Amino acid sequence: MALREHFPEAGENYQDGESDGIKYTLVFGGVSLEHSYDMIRQFLQEEGYADIPLPKDVDELRLFRHPVSRIKQILLFEDNGYCHNPIKILFPLDRRKKKTLYLIIFNENAPDHLLRFHSLLNRKLERGK
């Protein structure tokens, strides 16, 4: 069954990725960045996410990468890569991992899904106090 139809429970091993029941993370490390991105595109197709718009190729994906900055704190608060609900394709903060991409898929059926995807859940909780 496709991941979109049966989101992995917390701790459940699925395709060597990690799930906490809210988000599922999988690392793709191919022989090149292009190969890693192609693997992600294929994975998303097979797992029921074919309707999610993606950058047309790795050159377009690179446009979503944050420029190198001496101020690493900025990257602690922003995603370094492409985001379109419910997926994020992120570049590693370690620039030495030039062939690696991280795929994060959020559980669309989880409570407060959109707030979690946009990292706004903590703000909601703070305002509710």
N, C-alpha and C. Protein backbone atom coordinates (compact mmCIF):
# COMPACT_ATOMS: atom_id res chain seq x y z
N MET A 1 0.84 -1.18 0.00
CA MET A 1 0.00 0.00 0.00
C MET A 1 0.89 1.25 0.00
N ALA A 2 0.48 2.27 -0.72
CA ALA A 2 1.25 3.49 -0.85
C ALA A 2 1.31 4.26 0.48
N LEU A 3 2.39 4.96 0.68
CA LEU A 3 2.61 5.73 1.91
C LEU A 3 1.50 6.75 2.13
N ARG A 4 1.03 7.38 1.08
CA ARG A 4 -0.02 8.40 1.24
C ARG A 4 -1.31 7.79 1.78
N GLU A 5 -1.56 6.53 1.46
CA GLU A 5 -2.77 5.86 1.93
C GLU A 5 -2.59 5.25 3.31
N HIS A 6 -1.38 4.86 3.63
CA HIS A 6 -1.08 4.26 4.92
C HIS A 6 0.20 4.88 5.46
N PHE A 7 0.04 6.01 6.17
CA PHE A 7 1.20 6.71 6.69
C PHE A 7 1.81 5.90 7.83
N PRO A 8 3.13 5.72 7.83
CA PRO A 8 3.77 4.90 8.87
C PRO A 8 3.55 5.47 10.28
N GLU A 9 3.28 4.57 11.20
CA GLU A 9 3.14 4.94 12.61
C GLU A 9 4.51 5.32 13.18
N ALA A 10 4.52 5.93 14.34
CA ALA A 10 5.77 6.28 15.01
C ALA A 10 6.61 5.03 15.22
N GLY A 11 7.86 5.09 14.79
CA GLY A 11 8.79 3.98 14.96
C GLY A 11 8.69 2.91 13.90
N GLU A 12 7.69 2.97 13.05
CA GLU A 12 7.51 1.97 12.00
C GLU A 12 8.57 2.16 10.91
N ASN A 13 9.24 1.08 10.54
CA ASN A 13 10.25 1.13 9.49
C ASN A 13 9.57 0.95 8.14
N TYR A 14 9.74 1.93 7.26
CA TYR A 14 9.18 1.86 5.92
C TYR A 14 10.22 2.37 4.94
N GLN A 15 10.69 1.52 4.05
CA GLN A 15 11.66 1.89 3.02
C GLN A 15 12.91 2.57 3.61
N ASP A 16 13.34 2.13 4.75
CA ASP A 16 14.53 2.68 5.44
C ASP A 16 14.38 4.12 5.89
N GLY A 17 13.16 4.63 5.91
CA GLY A 17 12.93 5.98 6.41
C GLY A 17 12.49 5.94 7.85
N GLU A 18 12.42 7.11 8.46
CA GLU A 18 12.02 7.24 9.86
C GLU A 18 10.70 8.00 9.95
N SER A 19 9.81 7.50 10.78
CA SER A 19 8.51 8.15 10.97
C SER A 19 8.24 8.36 12.45
N ASP A 20 7.66 9.51 12.76
CA ASP A 20 7.18 9.73 14.13
C ASP A 20 5.65 9.77 14.14
N GLY A 21 5.04 9.35 13.03
CA GLY A 21 3.60 9.37 12.89
C GLY A 21 3.09 10.69 12.34
N ILE A 22 3.88 11.74 12.47
CA ILE A 22 3.53 13.07 11.98
C ILE A 22 4.29 13.39 10.70
N LYS A 23 5.57 13.04 10.69
CA LYS A 23 6.37 13.24 9.48
C LYS A 23 7.26 12.03 9.24
N TYR A 24 7.53 11.81 7.98
CA TYR A 24 8.34 10.69 7.53
C TYR A 24 9.55 11.27 6.81
N THR A 25 10.74 10.83 7.18
CA THR A 25 11.98 11.36 6.61
C THR A 25 12.78 10.24 5.97
N LEU A 26 13.27 10.52 4.77
CA LEU A 26 14.07 9.56 4.04
C LEU A 26 15.22 10.32 3.37
N VAL A 27 16.42 9.77 3.45
CA VAL A 27 17.61 10.39 2.86
C VAL A 27 17.91 9.72 1.53
N PHE A 28 18.15 10.54 0.52
CA PHE A 28 18.52 10.04 -0.80
C PHE A 28 19.93 10.49 -1.12
N GLY A 29 20.81 9.55 -1.35
CA GLY A 29 22.20 9.85 -1.69
C GLY A 29 22.62 9.05 -2.91
N GLY A 30 22.48 9.64 -4.09
CA GLY A 30 22.83 8.96 -5.33
C GLY A 30 24.26 9.27 -5.75
N VAL A 31 24.59 8.88 -6.95
CA VAL A 31 25.93 9.12 -7.48
C VAL A 31 26.11 10.58 -7.86
N SER A 32 24.99 11.31 -7.97
CA SER A 32 25.02 12.74 -8.25
C SER A 32 23.75 13.35 -7.65
N LEU A 33 23.71 14.66 -7.59
CA LEU A 33 22.51 15.33 -7.09
C LEU A 33 21.33 15.05 -8.03
N GLU A 34 21.61 15.01 -9.32
CA GLU A 34 20.57 14.69 -10.31
C GLU A 34 19.96 13.32 -10.04
N HIS A 35 20.82 12.35 -9.76
CA HIS A 35 20.35 10.99 -9.48
C HIS A 35 19.51 10.97 -8.20
N SER A 36 19.95 11.65 -7.17
CA SER A 36 19.19 11.72 -5.92
C SER A 36 17.81 12.32 -6.16
N TYR A 37 17.75 13.39 -6.94
CA TYR A 37 16.47 14.04 -7.22
C TYR A 37 15.57 13.13 -8.06
N ASP A 38 16.14 12.43 -9.01
CA ASP A 38 15.36 11.48 -9.81
C ASP A 38 14.77 10.38 -8.93
N MET A 39 15.56 9.92 -7.95
CA MET A 39 15.06 8.89 -7.03
C MET A 39 13.89 9.42 -6.21
N ILE A 40 13.97 10.66 -5.77
CA ILE A 40 12.88 11.27 -5.01
C ILE A 40 11.63 11.37 -5.87
N ARG A 41 11.78 11.83 -7.09
CA ARG A 41 10.63 11.95 -8.00
C ARG A 41 9.96 10.60 -8.20
N GLN A 42 10.76 9.56 -8.40
CA GLN A 42 10.22 8.21 -8.59
C GLN A 42 9.52 7.72 -7.33
N PHE A 43 10.15 7.94 -6.17
CA PHE A 43 9.56 7.53 -4.90
C PHE A 43 8.20 8.19 -4.70
N LEU A 44 8.13 9.50 -4.93
CA LEU A 44 6.87 10.22 -4.74
C LEU A 44 5.79 9.70 -5.69
N GLN A 45 6.18 9.40 -6.90
CA GLN A 45 5.24 8.84 -7.88
C GLN A 45 4.67 7.51 -7.37
N GLU A 46 5.54 6.64 -6.91
CA GLU A 46 5.13 5.31 -6.46
C GLU A 46 4.32 5.35 -5.17
N GLU A 47 4.54 6.35 -4.35
CA GLU A 47 3.90 6.40 -3.03
C GLU A 47 2.64 7.26 -2.99
N GLY A 48 2.12 7.64 -4.16
CA GLY A 48 0.84 8.33 -4.20
C GLY A 48 0.91 9.85 -4.22
N TYR A 49 2.08 10.43 -4.43
CA TYR A 49 2.23 11.88 -4.41
C TYR A 49 2.51 12.45 -5.80
N ALA A 50 2.01 11.80 -6.85
CA ALA A 50 2.26 12.24 -8.22
C ALA A 50 1.61 13.59 -8.52
N ASP A 51 0.59 13.97 -7.75
CA ASP A 51 -0.11 15.23 -7.99
C ASP A 51 0.58 16.45 -7.38
N ILE A 52 1.64 16.23 -6.63
CA ILE A 52 2.36 17.35 -6.00
C ILE A 52 3.29 18.00 -7.03
N PRO A 53 3.16 19.31 -7.26
CA PRO A 53 4.07 19.97 -8.20
C PRO A 53 5.51 19.94 -7.67
N LEU A 54 6.44 19.65 -8.56
CA LEU A 54 7.85 19.59 -8.21
C LEU A 54 8.66 20.43 -9.20
N PRO A 55 9.84 20.87 -8.79
CA PRO A 55 10.72 21.51 -9.77
C PRO A 55 10.96 20.57 -10.94
N LYS A 56 11.04 21.13 -12.16
CA LYS A 56 11.11 20.28 -13.36
C LYS A 56 12.40 19.49 -13.45
N ASP A 57 13.47 20.00 -12.86
CA ASP A 57 14.75 19.29 -12.89
C ASP A 57 15.62 19.78 -11.75
N VAL A 58 16.81 19.22 -11.64
CA VAL A 58 17.67 19.56 -10.51
C VAL A 58 18.16 21.01 -10.58
N ASP A 59 18.28 21.56 -11.78
CA ASP A 59 18.69 22.97 -11.89
C ASP A 59 17.63 23.89 -11.29
N GLU A 60 16.37 23.57 -11.53
CA GLU A 60 15.30 24.36 -10.93
C GLU A 60 15.24 24.12 -9.42
N LEU A 61 15.49 22.89 -8.99
CA LEU A 61 15.52 22.60 -7.55
C LEU A 61 16.60 23.42 -6.85
N ARG A 62 17.74 23.57 -7.49
CA ARG A 62 18.84 24.35 -6.89
C ARG A 62 18.46 25.80 -6.61
N LEU A 63 17.50 26.33 -7.33
CA LEU A 63 17.06 27.70 -7.11
C LEU A 63 16.41 27.88 -5.73
N PHE A 64 15.97 26.78 -5.14
CA PHE A 64 15.34 26.83 -3.82
C PHE A 64 16.36 26.71 -2.68
N ARG A 65 17.61 26.46 -3.01
CA ARG A 65 18.65 26.32 -2.00
C ARG A 65 19.06 27.71 -1.51
N HIS A 66 19.19 27.85 -0.20
CA HIS A 66 19.65 29.12 0.35
C HIS A 66 21.11 29.34 -0.02
N PRO A 67 21.47 30.58 -0.32
CA PRO A 67 22.88 30.84 -0.61
C PRO A 67 23.75 30.60 0.63
N VAL A 68 25.02 30.36 0.38
CA VAL A 68 25.95 30.15 1.49
C VAL A 68 25.99 31.43 2.31
N SER A 69 25.84 31.27 3.59
CA SER A 69 25.80 32.43 4.48
C SER A 69 26.68 32.16 5.69
N ARG A 70 27.32 33.19 6.13
CA ARG A 70 28.11 33.07 7.36
C ARG A 70 27.18 33.03 8.57
N ILE A 71 25.99 33.50 8.38
CA ILE A 71 25.03 33.53 9.48
C ILE A 71 24.22 32.24 9.42
N LYS A 72 24.74 31.20 10.02
CA LYS A 72 24.09 29.89 9.99
C LYS A 72 22.78 29.89 10.77
N GLN A 73 22.58 30.87 11.65
CA GLN A 73 21.36 30.92 12.45
C GLN A 73 20.12 31.08 11.58
N ILE A 74 20.26 31.73 10.42
CA ILE A 74 19.12 31.91 9.53
C ILE A 74 18.58 30.55 9.12
N LEU A 75 19.46 29.61 8.82
CA LEU A 75 19.05 28.30 8.36
C LEU A 75 18.41 27.46 9.46
N LEU A 76 18.53 27.87 10.69
CA LEU A 76 17.88 27.15 11.77
C LEU A 76 16.37 27.38 11.77
N PHE A 77 15.93 28.46 11.13
CA PHE A 77 14.53 28.84 11.18
C PHE A 77 13.82 28.72 9.84
N GLU A 78 14.55 28.43 8.78
CA GLU A 78 13.96 28.30 7.46
C GLU A 78 14.37 26.98 6.84
N ASP A 79 13.50 26.45 6.01
CA ASP A 79 13.81 25.22 5.30
C ASP A 79 14.73 25.54 4.13
N ASN A 80 15.79 24.76 4.00
CA ASN A 80 16.76 24.97 2.93
C ASN A 80 16.41 24.04 1.77
N GLY A 81 15.41 24.43 0.99
CA GLY A 81 15.00 23.60 -0.13
C GLY A 81 13.59 23.91 -0.58
N TYR A 82 13.00 22.95 -1.27
CA TYR A 82 11.68 23.10 -1.88
C TYR A 82 10.60 22.58 -0.93
N CYS A 83 9.54 23.36 -0.77
CA CYS A 83 8.43 22.95 0.09
C CYS A 83 7.11 23.15 -0.63
N HIS A 84 6.31 22.11 -0.66
CA HIS A 84 4.95 22.20 -1.17
C HIS A 84 4.14 21.16 -0.41
N ASN A 85 3.19 21.62 0.36
CA ASN A 85 2.41 20.74 1.22
C ASN A 85 1.97 19.49 0.45
N PRO A 86 2.24 18.31 0.95
CA PRO A 86 2.78 17.90 2.25
C PRO A 86 4.25 17.47 2.22
N ILE A 87 5.02 17.92 1.21
CA ILE A 87 6.41 17.45 1.13
C ILE A 87 7.42 18.60 1.24
N LYS A 88 8.61 18.22 1.69
CA LYS A 88 9.76 19.12 1.68
C LYS A 88 10.94 18.33 1.12
N ILE A 89 11.66 18.93 0.18
CA ILE A 89 12.89 18.36 -0.35
C ILE A 89 13.99 19.32 0.06
N LEU A 90 14.81 18.88 0.99
CA LEU A 90 15.78 19.79 1.61
C LEU A 90 17.22 19.41 1.28
N PHE A 91 18.03 20.43 1.16
CA PHE A 91 19.47 20.25 1.00
C PHE A 91 20.08 20.14 2.40
N PRO A 92 21.11 19.34 2.56
CA PRO A 92 21.76 19.25 3.87
C PRO A 92 22.47 20.57 4.20
N LEU A 93 22.53 20.90 5.47
CA LEU A 93 23.26 22.10 5.87
C LEU A 93 24.76 21.93 5.69
N ASP A 94 25.22 20.69 5.73
CA ASP A 94 26.63 20.38 5.52
C ASP A 94 26.90 20.39 4.01
N ARG A 95 27.54 21.41 3.51
CA ARG A 95 27.75 21.59 2.08
C ARG A 95 28.66 20.52 1.47
N ARG A 96 29.30 19.71 2.32
CA ARG A 96 30.17 18.65 1.78
C ARG A 96 29.34 17.49 1.23
N LYS A 97 28.08 17.41 1.62
CA LYS A 97 27.19 16.34 1.15
C LYS A 97 26.46 16.81 -0.11
N LYS A 98 27.21 17.01 -1.17
CA LYS A 98 26.68 17.61 -2.39
C LYS A 98 25.72 16.73 -3.16
N LYS A 99 25.68 15.43 -2.88
CA LYS A 99 24.85 14.50 -3.63
C LYS A 99 23.62 14.05 -2.84
N THR A 100 23.43 14.61 -1.66
CA THR A 100 22.40 14.15 -0.74
C THR A 100 21.20 15.11 -0.72
N LEU A 101 20.01 14.53 -0.65
CA LEU A 101 18.78 15.29 -0.45
C LEU A 101 17.95 14.60 0.61
N TYR A 102 17.21 15.39 1.38
CA TYR A 102 16.32 14.86 2.40
C TYR A 102 14.88 15.05 1.92
N LEU A 103 14.11 14.00 1.99
CA LEU A 103 12.69 14.08 1.68
C LEU A 103 11.92 13.95 2.99
N ILE A 104 11.08 14.93 3.25
CA ILE A 104 10.22 14.89 4.44
C ILE A 104 8.79 14.97 3.94
N ILE A 105 7.99 14.00 4.36
CA ILE A 105 6.58 13.95 4.00
C ILE A 105 5.77 14.06 5.27
N PHE A 106 4.84 14.99 5.31
CA PHE A 106 4.00 15.20 6.48
C PHE A 106 2.70 14.43 6.33
N ASN A 107 2.23 13.89 7.43
CA ASN A 107 0.98 13.14 7.47
C ASN A 107 -0.19 14.12 7.34
N GLU A 108 -0.87 14.06 6.21
CA GLU A 108 -1.96 14.98 5.94
C GLU A 108 -3.17 14.77 6.85
N ASN A 109 -3.24 13.61 7.50
CA ASN A 109 -4.36 13.31 8.39
C ASN A 109 -4.05 13.59 9.86
N ALA A 110 -2.87 14.06 10.16
CA ALA A 110 -2.49 14.35 11.55
C ALA A 110 -3.18 15.63 12.03
N PRO A 111 -3.48 15.71 13.32
CA PRO A 111 -4.06 16.95 13.86
C PRO A 111 -3.11 18.13 13.61
N ASP A 112 -3.68 19.26 13.27
CA ASP A 112 -2.91 20.49 13.04
C ASP A 112 -1.87 20.31 11.94
N HIS A 113 -2.21 19.54 10.92
CA HIS A 113 -1.26 19.23 9.84
C HIS A 113 -0.62 20.47 9.22
N LEU A 114 -1.43 21.43 8.82
CA LEU A 114 -0.88 22.62 8.15
C LEU A 114 0.01 23.44 9.08
N LEU A 115 -0.38 23.53 10.33
CA LEU A 115 0.45 24.26 11.29
C LEU A 115 1.80 23.58 11.46
N ARG A 116 1.79 22.25 11.50
CA ARG A 116 3.04 21.50 11.63
C ARG A 116 3.90 21.68 10.38
N PHE A 117 3.30 21.57 9.21
CA PHE A 117 4.03 21.69 7.96
C PHE A 117 4.74 23.05 7.88
N HIS A 118 4.05 24.09 8.29
CA HIS A 118 4.61 25.44 8.21
C HIS A 118 5.33 25.87 9.50
N SER A 119 5.57 24.92 10.39
CA SER A 119 6.28 25.17 11.65
C SER A 119 5.60 26.26 12.47
N LEU A 120 4.29 26.25 12.51
CA LEU A 120 3.53 27.26 13.24
C LEU A 120 2.84 26.73 14.49
N LEU A 121 2.98 25.45 14.76
CA LEU A 121 2.27 24.86 15.89
C LEU A 121 2.71 25.50 17.21
N ASN A 122 4.00 25.76 17.37
CA ASN A 122 4.49 26.37 18.62
C ASN A 122 3.89 27.76 18.82
N ARG A 123 3.71 28.51 17.73
CA ARG A 123 3.11 29.83 17.85
C ARG A 123 1.67 29.72 18.33
N LYS A 124 0.94 28.75 17.81
CA LYS A 124 -0.45 28.53 18.23
C LYS A 124 -0.50 28.20 19.71
N LEU A 125 0.40 27.32 20.16
CA LEU A 125 0.42 26.93 21.56
C LEU A 125 0.78 28.10 22.46
N GLU A 126 1.74 28.94 22.02
CA GLU A 126 2.14 30.11 22.82
C GLU A 126 1.01 31.11 22.95
N ARG A 127 0.25 31.32 21.88
CA ARG A 127 -0.86 32.27 21.92
C ARG A 127 -2.01 31.76 22.78
N GLY A 128 -2.13 30.45 22.87
CA GLY A 128 -3.21 29.86 23.66
C GLY A 128 -2.97 29.92 25.15
N LYS A 129 -1.76 30.27 25.58
CA LYS A 129 -1.43 30.31 27.01
C LYS A 129 -2.01 31.52 27.67
